[in-house]
């Protein structure tokens, strides 16, 4: 089934087209949810809620940009709204220690599997993890993140810096990364 046929079918509430859309995009979108969720069950709940929004809002897709990108934005916003609704983000944003962190520099070696890094990202406090995911992986600006999370732009920047430092420390501790000498580049792991 072509993407256009799937879209047309979903616009008509065709169950076969909806199932095809879900099967085509759910594995990638579950990976997105998994990075934001506390556990697999949270991620699966966010995924289901996100796809309900995709199906209910599919009529708003205007073929401006990739359909997958449109789905991904809905999923990301669903994850953020879920975290905010459940106050999981607010409980973990540590503003008291929002001081400058000395960032050691290192690029994650290409031999490091993205899966290993994602597992290490999941060990970060949810506030750090959320900002890191939004900035480094999803490509949002600190201003956009601040607006989404109802925080200051400077808080987004400091959370990101501290998340990179903590991630670097976790990668070193788990012997996934040798003692760094240059800037940690999370983008390189995810091909960005």
C-alpha atoms as a PDB file:
ATOM      1  CA  UNK A   1       0.000   0.000   0.000  1.00  0.00           C
ATOM      2  CA  UNK A   2       1.434   3.407  -0.928  1.00  0.00           C
ATOM      3  CA  UNK A   3       1.628   6.221   1.583  1.00  0.00           C
ATOM      4  CA  UNK A   4      -0.965   8.156  -0.427  1.00  0.00           C
ATOM      5  CA  UNK A   5      -3.356   5.173  -0.402  1.00  0.00           C
ATOM      6  CA  UNK A   6      -2.850   4.808   3.350  1.00  0.00           C
ATOM      7  CA  UNK A   7      -3.584   8.519   3.882  1.00  0.00           C
ATOM      8  CA  UNK A   8      -6.694   8.408   1.725  1.00  0.00           C
ATOM      9  CA  UNK A   9      -7.909   5.282   3.485  1.00  0.00           C
ATOM     10  CA  UNK A  10      -7.307   6.790   6.923  1.00  0.00           C
ATOM     11  CA  UNK A  11      -9.224   9.912   5.913  1.00  0.00           C
ATOM     12  CA  UNK A  12     -12.170   7.580   5.213  1.00  0.00           C
ATOM     13  CA  UNK A  13     -11.671   5.748   8.552  1.00  0.00           C
ATOM     14  CA  UNK A  14     -10.726   2.575   6.682  1.00  0.00           C
ATOM     15  CA  UNK A  15      -9.550   0.043   9.280  1.00  0.00           C
ATOM     16  CA  UNK A  16      -7.144  -1.681   6.858  1.00  0.00           C
ATOM     17  CA  UNK A  17      -5.418   1.628   6.047  1.00  0.00           C
ATOM     18  CA  UNK A  18      -5.268   2.575   9.724  1.00  0.00           C
ATOM     19  CA  UNK A  19      -3.725  -0.785  10.579  1.00  0.00           C
ATOM     20  CA  UNK A  20      -1.167  -0.370   7.776  1.00  0.00           C
ATOM     21  CA  UNK A  21      -0.254   3.139   8.965  1.00  0.00           C
ATOM     22  CA  UNK A  22       0.155   1.878  12.526  1.00  0.00           C
ATOM     23  CA  UNK A  23       2.323  -1.079  11.477  1.00  0.00           C
ATOM     24  CA  UNK A  24       4.446   1.091   9.204  1.00  0.00           C
ATOM     25  CA  UNK A  25       5.246   3.797  11.769  1.00  0.00           C
ATOM     26  CA  UNK A  26       4.696   2.301  15.227  1.00  0.00           C
ATOM     27  CA  UNK A  27       8.170   0.709  15.620  1.00  0.00           C
ATOM     28  CA  UNK A  28       9.960   4.028  15.007  1.00  0.00           C
ATOM     29  CA  UNK A  29       7.461   5.970  17.099  1.00  0.00           C
ATOM     30  CA  UNK A  30       7.711   3.469  19.958  1.00  0.00           C
ATOM     31  CA  UNK A  31      11.444   4.158  20.003  1.00  0.00           C
ATOM     32  CA  UNK A  32      10.650   7.881  20.344  1.00  0.00           C
ATOM     33  CA  UNK A  33       8.194   7.195  23.175  1.00  0.00           C
ATOM     34  CA  UNK A  34      10.649   4.855  24.871  1.00  0.00           C
ATOM     35  CA  UNK A  35      13.204   7.666  25.120  1.00  0.00           C
ATOM     36  CA  UNK A  36      10.667   9.837  26.950  1.00  0.00           C
ATOM     37  CA  UNK A  37       8.809   7.207  28.980  1.00  0.00           C
ATOM     38  CA  UNK A  38       9.703   6.014  32.437  1.00  0.00           C
ATOM     39  CA  UNK A  39       9.382   2.391  31.314  1.00  0.00           C
ATOM     40  CA  UNK A  40       8.122   0.319  28.396  1.00  0.00           C
ATOM     41  CA  UNK A  41       4.521   0.437  29.623  1.00  0.00           C
ATOM     42  CA  UNK A  42       4.622   4.258  29.734  1.00  0.00           C
ATOM     43  CA  UNK A  43       6.096   4.287  26.232  1.00  0.00           C
ATOM     44  CA  UNK A  44       3.380   1.976  24.916  1.00  0.00           C
ATOM     45  CA  UNK A  45       0.679   4.131  26.533  1.00  0.00           C
ATOM     46  CA  UNK A  46       2.174   7.265  24.948  1.00  0.00           C
ATOM     47  CA  UNK A  47       2.335   5.490  21.595  1.00  0.00           C
ATOM     48  CA  UNK A  48      -1.334   4.491  21.744  1.00  0.00           C
ATOM     49  CA  UNK A  49      -2.400   7.978  22.799  1.00  0.00           C
ATOM     50  CA  UNK A  50      -0.231   9.459  20.055  1.00  0.00           C
ATOM     51  CA  UNK A  51      -1.739   7.273  17.340  1.00  0.00           C
ATOM     52  CA  UNK A  52      -5.238   8.127  18.498  1.00  0.00           C
ATOM     53  CA  UNK A  53      -4.266  11.768  17.906  1.00  0.00           C
ATOM     54  CA  UNK A  54      -2.713  10.898  14.537  1.00  0.00           C
ATOM     55  CA  UNK A  55      -5.938   9.233  13.393  1.00  0.00           C
ATOM     56  CA  UNK A  56      -8.165  11.993  14.750  1.00  0.00           C
ATOM     57  CA  UNK A  57      -5.989  14.766  13.265  1.00  0.00           C
ATOM     58  CA  UNK A  58      -5.009  13.150   9.965  1.00  0.00           C
ATOM     59  CA  UNK A  59      -7.303  15.531   8.118  1.00  0.00           C
ATOM     60  CA  UNK A  60      -4.949  18.382   9.151  1.00  0.00           C
ATOM     61  CA  UNK A  61      -1.949  16.928   7.294  1.00  0.00           C
ATOM     62  CA  UNK A  62      -1.325  19.228   4.315  1.00  0.00           C
ATOM     63  CA  UNK A  63       1.422  17.328   2.434  1.00  0.00           C
ATOM     64  CA  UNK A  64       3.917  20.008   3.436  1.00  0.00           C
ATOM     65  CA  UNK A  65       6.919  17.962   4.454  1.00  0.00           C
ATOM     66  CA  UNK A  66       7.204  14.279   5.174  1.00  0.00           C
ATOM     67  CA  UNK A  67       4.230  12.445   6.623  1.00  0.00           C
ATOM     68  CA  UNK A  68       6.538  10.562   8.987  1.00  0.00           C
ATOM     69  CA  UNK A  69       7.799  13.891  10.344  1.00  0.00           C
ATOM     70  CA  UNK A  70       4.211  14.998  10.930  1.00  0.00           C
ATOM     71  CA  UNK A  71       3.450  11.768  12.808  1.00  0.00           C
ATOM     72  CA  UNK A  72       6.668  12.146  14.815  1.00  0.00           C
ATOM     73  CA  UNK A  73       5.761  15.700  15.907  1.00  0.00           C
ATOM     74  CA  UNK A  74       2.402  14.482  17.175  1.00  0.00           C
ATOM     75  CA  UNK A  75       4.070  11.618  19.045  1.00  0.00           C
ATOM     76  CA  UNK A  76       6.709  13.909  20.608  1.00  0.00           C
ATOM     77  CA  UNK A  77       4.072  16.421  21.709  1.00  0.00           C
ATOM     78  CA  UNK A  78       1.984  13.578  23.127  1.00  0.00           C
ATOM     79  CA  UNK A  79       4.986  12.404  25.154  1.00  0.00           C
ATOM     80  CA  UNK A  80       5.659  15.913  26.463  1.00  0.00           C
ATOM     81  CA  UNK A  81       2.006  16.467  27.336  1.00  0.00           C
ATOM     82  CA  UNK A  82       1.926  13.117  29.114  1.00  0.00           C
ATOM     83  CA  UNK A  83       5.000  14.013  31.171  1.00  0.00           C
ATOM     84  CA  UNK A  84       3.559  17.415  32.049  1.00  0.00           C
ATOM     85  CA  UNK A  85       0.119  15.992  32.842  1.00  0.00           C
ATOM     86  CA  UNK A  86       1.599  13.426  35.171  1.00  0.00           C
ATOM     87  CA  UNK A  87       3.986  16.012  36.636  1.00  0.00           C
ATOM     88  CA  UNK A  88       6.896  13.676  35.949  1.00  0.00           C
ATOM     89  CA  UNK A  89       8.928  16.396  34.289  1.00  0.00           C
ATOM     90  CA  UNK A  90       8.323  19.062  36.935  1.00  0.00           C
ATOM     91  CA  UNK A  91       9.310  16.728  39.760  1.00  0.00           C
ATOM     92  CA  UNK A  92      12.708  16.092  38.244  1.00  0.00           C
ATOM     93  CA  UNK A  93      13.795  19.454  36.859  1.00  0.00           C
ATOM     94  CA  UNK A  94      16.536  20.367  39.264  1.00  0.00           C
ATOM     95  CA  UNK A  95      16.784  24.156  39.125  1.00  0.00           C
ATOM     96  CA  UNK A  96      18.725  24.528  42.363  1.00  0.00           C
ATOM     97  CA  UNK A  97      21.893  23.168  40.799  1.00  0.00           C
ATOM     98  CA  UNK A  98      21.545  24.975  37.461  1.00  0.00           C
ATOM     99  CA  UNK A  99      25.156  26.098  37.411  1.00  0.00           C
ATOM    100  CA  UNK A 100      27.653  25.924  34.629  1.00  0.00           C
ATOM    101  CA  UNK A 101      29.111  22.481  34.144  1.00  0.00           C
ATOM    102  CA  UNK A 102      32.576  21.903  32.773  1.00  0.00           C
ATOM    103  CA  UNK A 103      31.940  19.809  29.685  1.00  0.00           C
ATOM    104  CA  UNK A 104      34.725  17.477  28.716  1.00  0.00           C
ATOM    105  CA  UNK A 105      34.940  16.951  25.009  1.00  0.00           C
ATOM    106  CA  UNK A 106      34.542  13.687  23.088  1.00  0.00           C
ATOM    107  CA  UNK A 107      32.626  12.282  20.191  1.00  0.00           C
ATOM    108  CA  UNK A 108      30.905   9.001  20.828  1.00  0.00           C
ATOM    109  CA  UNK A 109      32.819   6.438  18.764  1.00  0.00           C
ATOM    110  CA  UNK A 110      31.012   5.134  15.712  1.00  0.00           C
ATOM    111  CA  UNK A 111      31.312   1.631  17.158  1.00  0.00           C
ATOM    112  CA  UNK A 112      28.917   2.565  19.937  1.00  0.00           C
ATOM    113  CA  UNK A 113      25.498   1.211  19.157  1.00  0.00           C
ATOM    114  CA  UNK A 114      22.676   3.772  19.283  1.00  0.00           C
ATOM    115  CA  UNK A 115      20.761   1.262  21.415  1.00  0.00           C
ATOM    116  CA  UNK A 116      23.444   1.369  24.123  1.00  0.00           C
ATOM    117  CA  UNK A 117      23.351   5.157  24.155  1.00  0.00           C
ATOM    118  CA  UNK A 118      19.545   5.198  24.339  1.00  0.00           C
ATOM    119  CA  UNK A 119      19.706   2.857  27.326  1.00  0.00           C
ATOM    120  CA  UNK A 120      22.178   5.211  28.988  1.00  0.00           C
ATOM    121  CA  UNK A 121      20.000   8.227  28.159  1.00  0.00           C
ATOM    122  CA  UNK A 122      17.143   6.455  29.932  1.00  0.00           C
ATOM    123  CA  UNK A 123      19.246   6.478  33.113  1.00  0.00           C
ATOM    124  CA  UNK A 124      19.209  10.280  33.191  1.00  0.00           C
ATOM    125  CA  UNK A 125      16.698  12.095  35.409  1.00  0.00           C
ATOM    126  CA  UNK A 126      13.597  12.675  33.331  1.00  0.00           C
ATOM    127  CA  UNK A 127      14.101  16.450  33.129  1.00  0.00           C
ATOM    128  CA  UNK A 128      17.592  16.052  31.697  1.00  0.00           C
ATOM    129  CA  UNK A 129      16.455  13.217  29.451  1.00  0.00           C
ATOM    130  CA  UNK A 130      13.533  15.227  28.093  1.00  0.00           C
ATOM    131  CA  UNK A 131      15.628  18.269  27.177  1.00  0.00           C
ATOM    132  CA  UNK A 132      18.398  16.094  25.712  1.00  0.00           C
ATOM    133  CA  UNK A 133      15.891  14.179  23.583  1.00  0.00           C
ATOM    134  CA  UNK A 134      14.160  17.319  22.364  1.00  0.00           C
ATOM    135  CA  UNK A 135      17.338  19.236  21.555  1.00  0.00           C
ATOM    136  CA  UNK A 136      19.899  16.646  20.449  1.00  0.00           C
ATOM    137  CA  UNK A 137      17.664  14.026  18.895  1.00  0.00           C
ATOM    138  CA  UNK A 138      14.435  15.736  17.842  1.00  0.00           C
ATOM    139  CA  UNK A 139      16.154  18.968  16.774  1.00  0.00           C
ATOM    140  CA  UNK A 140      14.072  21.520  18.675  1.00  0.00           C
ATOM    141  CA  UNK A 141      15.674  24.828  19.670  1.00  0.00           C
ATOM    142  CA  UNK A 142      16.066  25.782  23.326  1.00  0.00           C
ATOM    143  CA  UNK A 143      13.379  28.438  22.802  1.00  0.00           C
ATOM    144  CA  UNK A 144      10.948  25.838  21.448  1.00  0.00           C
ATOM    145  CA  UNK A 145      11.790  23.484  24.321  1.00  0.00           C
ATOM    146  CA  UNK A 146      11.253  26.262  26.862  1.00  0.00           C
ATOM    147  CA  UNK A 147       7.833  26.988  25.350  1.00  0.00           C
ATOM    148  CA  UNK A 148       6.863  23.303  25.282  1.00  0.00           C
ATOM    149  CA  UNK A 149       7.952  22.610  28.852  1.00  0.00           C
ATOM    150  CA  UNK A 150       6.982  25.964  30.382  1.00  0.00           C
ATOM    151  CA  UNK A 151      10.537  26.653  31.539  1.00  0.00           C
ATOM    152  CA  UNK A 152      13.049  29.401  30.867  1.00  0.00           C
ATOM    153  CA  UNK A 153      15.275  29.112  27.804  1.00  0.00           C
ATOM    154  CA  UNK A 154      18.317  29.307  30.093  1.00  0.00           C
ATOM    155  CA  UNK A 155      16.941  26.359  32.066  1.00  0.00           C
ATOM    156  CA  UNK A 156      16.698  24.335  28.862  1.00  0.00           C
ATOM    157  CA  UNK A 157      20.306  25.182  28.041  1.00  0.00           C
ATOM    158  CA  UNK A 158      21.598  24.296  31.499  1.00  0.00           C
ATOM    159  CA  UNK A 159      19.554  21.074  31.599  1.00  0.00           C
ATOM    160  CA  UNK A 160      21.024  20.106  28.223  1.00  0.00           C
ATOM    161  CA  UNK A 161      24.589  20.864  29.308  1.00  0.00           C
ATOM    162  CA  UNK A 162      24.143  18.929  32.524  1.00  0.00           C
ATOM    163  CA  UNK A 163      22.442  16.048  30.685  1.00  0.00           C
ATOM    164  CA  UNK A 164      25.404  15.756  28.302  1.00  0.00           C
ATOM    165  CA  UNK A 165      27.807  15.740  31.243  1.00  0.00           C
ATOM    166  CA  UNK A 166      25.821  13.105  33.112  1.00  0.00           C
ATOM    167  CA  UNK A 167      25.427  11.002  29.954  1.00  0.00           C
ATOM    168  CA  UNK A 168      29.148  11.225  29.331  1.00  0.00           C
ATOM    169  CA  UNK A 169      29.827  10.077  32.902  1.00  0.00           C
ATOM    170  CA  UNK A 170      27.410   7.141  32.497  1.00  0.00           C
ATOM    171  CA  UNK A 171      28.997   6.118  29.187  1.00  0.00           C
ATOM    172  CA  UNK A 172      32.462   6.224  30.772  1.00  0.00           C
ATOM    173  CA  UNK A 173      31.303   4.334  33.877  1.00  0.00           C
ATOM    174  CA  UNK A 174      29.721   1.603  31.737  1.00  0.00           C
ATOM    175  CA  UNK A 175      32.924   1.459  29.668  1.00  0.00           C
ATOM    176  CA  UNK A 176      31.047   2.318  26.488  1.00  0.00           C
ATOM    177  CA  UNK A 177      33.166   5.429  26.084  1.00  0.00           C
ATOM    178  CA  UNK A 178      36.824   5.889  26.991  1.00  0.00           C
ATOM    179  CA  UNK A 179      37.736   8.832  29.215  1.00  0.00           C
ATOM    180  CA  UNK A 180      36.698  11.790  27.053  1.00  0.00           C
ATOM    181  CA  UNK A 181      39.081  14.421  25.758  1.00  0.00           C
ATOM    182  CA  UNK A 182      36.700  16.362  23.462  1.00  0.00           C
ATOM    183  CA  UNK A 183      33.051  17.403  23.333  1.00  0.00           C
ATOM    184  CA  UNK A 184      30.387  14.676  23.618  1.00  0.00           C
ATOM    185  CA  UNK A 185      28.378  14.661  20.406  1.00  0.00           C
ATOM    186  CA  UNK A 186      25.079  12.838  20.874  1.00  0.00           C
ATOM    187  CA  UNK A 187      24.089  13.843  17.332  1.00  0.00           C
ATOM    188  CA  UNK A 188      26.749  11.560  15.841  1.00  0.00           C
ATOM    189  CA  UNK A 189      25.129   8.497  17.409  1.00  0.00           C
ATOM    190  CA  UNK A 190      21.775   9.232  15.804  1.00  0.00           C
ATOM    191  CA  UNK A 191      23.066  10.388  12.441  1.00  0.00           C
ATOM    192  CA  UNK A 192      22.210  14.067  12.941  1.00  0.00           C
END
